[in-house]
Amino acid sequence: MASKTLTVRVDAQVAARLEKLAQATRRSRSFLAAEAIEEYVTLHEWQVQAIVEGLEQAKRGEGTVLDEVRAKWESRRDSPPD
């Protein structure tokens, strides 16, 4: 996979923590930072896509009425556990 160099600024304390982690794991700071960015982007891409899809469903009039959701959860709350 092709890579691209990025330059980022982080708080000095975060940089120190990253250095300690890199030494402890015998990985480079660059490797750890790239791994962290990948995880962050993956998580937030998923969340944003879910929000966009939800908004599109709402515009089409699809979805669940809040009162129906509330009634369902209240009935679960009030019924004894299995």
C-alpha atoms as a PDB file:
ATOM      1  CA  MET A   1       0.000   0.000   0.000  1.00  0.00           C
ATOM      2  CA  ALA A   2       1.281   3.452  -0.848  1.00  0.00           C
ATOM      3  CA  SER A   3       1.885   5.804   2.030  1.00  0.00           C
ATOM      4  CA  LYS A   4       1.968   9.552   2.393  1.00  0.00           C
ATOM      5  CA  THR A   5       3.843  11.649   4.927  1.00  0.00           C
ATOM      6  CA  LEU A   6       1.787  13.850   7.238  1.00  0.00           C
ATOM      7  CA  THR A   7       3.033  16.321   9.795  1.00  0.00           C
ATOM      8  CA  VAL A   8       0.941  16.747  12.929  1.00  0.00           C
ATOM      9  CA  ARG A   9       1.333  18.806  16.066  1.00  0.00           C
ATOM     10  CA  VAL A  10       0.492  17.225  19.391  1.00  0.00           C
ATOM     11  CA  ASP A  11       0.718  18.338  22.985  1.00  0.00           C
ATOM     12  CA  ALA A  12       4.187  17.786  24.483  1.00  0.00           C
ATOM     13  CA  GLN A  13       2.755  15.377  27.055  1.00  0.00           C
ATOM     14  CA  VAL A  14       1.111  13.295  24.329  1.00  0.00           C
ATOM     15  CA  ALA A  15       4.393  13.209  22.420  1.00  0.00           C
ATOM     16  CA  ALA A  16       6.215  11.996  25.529  1.00  0.00           C
ATOM     17  CA  ARG A  17       3.612   9.307  26.142  1.00  0.00           C
ATOM     18  CA  LEU A  18       3.856   8.226  22.510  1.00  0.00           C
ATOM     19  CA  GLU A  19       7.629   7.975  22.826  1.00  0.00           C
ATOM     20  CA  LYS A  20       7.344   5.806  25.944  1.00  0.00           C
ATOM     21  CA  LEU A  21       4.799   3.571  24.265  1.00  0.00           C
ATOM     22  CA  ALA A  22       6.963   3.256  21.169  1.00  0.00           C
ATOM     23  CA  GLN A  23       9.933   2.196  23.264  1.00  0.00           C
ATOM     24  CA  ALA A  24       7.864  -0.269  25.293  1.00  0.00           C
ATOM     25  CA  THR A  25       6.342  -1.886  22.208  1.00  0.00           C
ATOM     26  CA  ARG A  26       9.488  -1.669  20.084  1.00  0.00           C
ATOM     27  CA  ARG A  27       7.525   0.167  17.421  1.00  0.00           C
ATOM     28  CA  SER A  28       8.221   3.530  15.873  1.00  0.00           C
ATOM     29  CA  ARG A  29       6.246   6.605  16.840  1.00  0.00           C
ATOM     30  CA  SER A  30       5.230   6.836  13.193  1.00  0.00           C
ATOM     31  CA  PHE A  31       3.848   3.289  13.210  1.00  0.00           C
ATOM     32  CA  LEU A  32       1.841   3.906  16.380  1.00  0.00           C
ATOM     33  CA  ALA A  33       0.535   7.260  15.157  1.00  0.00           C
ATOM     34  CA  ALA A  34      -0.494   5.777  11.809  1.00  0.00           C
ATOM     35  CA  GLU A  35      -2.263   2.918  13.595  1.00  0.00           C
ATOM     36  CA  ALA A  36      -4.103   5.359  15.884  1.00  0.00           C
ATOM     37  CA  ILE A  37      -5.164   7.556  12.962  1.00  0.00           C
ATOM     38  CA  GLU A  38      -6.413   4.515  11.039  1.00  0.00           C
ATOM     39  CA  GLU A  39      -8.559   3.411  13.987  1.00  0.00           C
ATOM     40  CA  TYR A  40      -9.909   6.943  14.511  1.00  0.00           C
ATOM     41  CA  VAL A  41     -10.806   7.400  10.845  1.00  0.00           C
ATOM     42  CA  THR A  42     -12.452   3.972  10.636  1.00  0.00           C
ATOM     43  CA  LEU A  43     -14.593   4.669  13.708  1.00  0.00           C
ATOM     44  CA  HIS A  44     -15.668   8.127  12.647  1.00  0.00           C
ATOM     45  CA  GLU A  45     -16.307   7.183   9.014  1.00  0.00           C
ATOM     46  CA  TRP A  46     -18.740   4.543  10.258  1.00  0.00           C
ATOM     47  CA  GLN A  47     -20.483   6.988  12.595  1.00  0.00           C
ATOM     48  CA  VAL A  48     -20.817   9.711   9.970  1.00  0.00           C
ATOM     49  CA  GLN A  49     -22.123   7.228   7.398  1.00  0.00           C
ATOM     50  CA  ALA A  50     -24.717   5.941   9.879  1.00  0.00           C
ATOM     51  CA  ILE A  51     -25.848   9.505  10.592  1.00  0.00           C
ATOM     52  CA  VAL A  52     -26.096  10.330   6.886  1.00  0.00           C
ATOM     53  CA  GLU A  53     -28.131   7.170   6.256  1.00  0.00           C
ATOM     54  CA  GLY A  54     -30.408   7.957   9.201  1.00  0.00           C
ATOM     55  CA  LEU A  55     -31.033  11.476   7.925  1.00  0.00           C
ATOM     56  CA  GLU A  56     -31.812  10.136   4.458  1.00  0.00           C
ATOM     57  CA  GLN A  57     -34.285   7.648   5.958  1.00  0.00           C
ATOM     58  CA  ALA A  58     -35.927  10.423   7.958  1.00  0.00           C
ATOM     59  CA  LYS A  59     -36.297  12.573   4.824  1.00  0.00           C
ATOM     60  CA  ARG A  60     -38.064   9.639   3.154  1.00  0.00           C
ATOM     61  CA  GLY A  61     -40.381   9.319   6.147  1.00  0.00           C
ATOM     62  CA  GLU A  62     -38.882   6.005   7.207  1.00  0.00           C
ATOM     63  CA  GLY A  63     -37.961   5.155  10.741  1.00  0.00           C
ATOM     64  CA  THR A  64     -39.659   4.683  14.064  1.00  0.00           C
ATOM     65  CA  VAL A  65     -41.845   7.112  15.943  1.00  0.00           C
ATOM     66  CA  LEU A  66     -40.247   8.209  19.219  1.00  0.00           C
ATOM     67  CA  ASP A  67     -43.384   7.416  21.222  1.00  0.00           C
ATOM     68  CA  GLU A  68     -43.286   3.832  19.916  1.00  0.00           C
ATOM     69  CA  VAL A  69     -39.674   3.422  20.977  1.00  0.00           C
ATOM     70  CA  ARG A  70     -40.409   4.926  24.391  1.00  0.00           C
ATOM     71  CA  ALA A  71     -43.419   2.621  24.921  1.00  0.00           C
ATOM     72  CA  LYS A  72     -41.370  -0.437  23.975  1.00  0.00           C
ATOM     73  CA  TRP A  73     -38.578   0.406  26.424  1.00  0.00           C
ATOM     74  CA  GLU A  74     -41.001   1.289  29.200  1.00  0.00           C
ATOM     75  CA  SER A  75     -42.753  -2.059  28.778  1.00  0.00           C
ATOM     76  CA  ARG A  76     -39.399  -3.832  29.031  1.00  0.00           C
ATOM     77  CA  ARG A  77     -38.512  -1.798  32.099  1.00  0.00           C
ATOM     78  CA  ASP A  78     -41.779  -2.685  33.794  1.00  0.00           C
ATOM     79  CA  SER A  79     -41.785  -6.411  32.987  1.00  0.00           C
ATOM     80  CA  PRO A  80     -39.917  -8.903  35.200  1.00  0.00           C
ATOM     81  CA  PRO A  81     -36.693 -10.366  33.802  1.00  0.00           C
ATOM     82  CA  ASP A  82     -36.785 -13.847  32.286  1.00  0.00           C
END
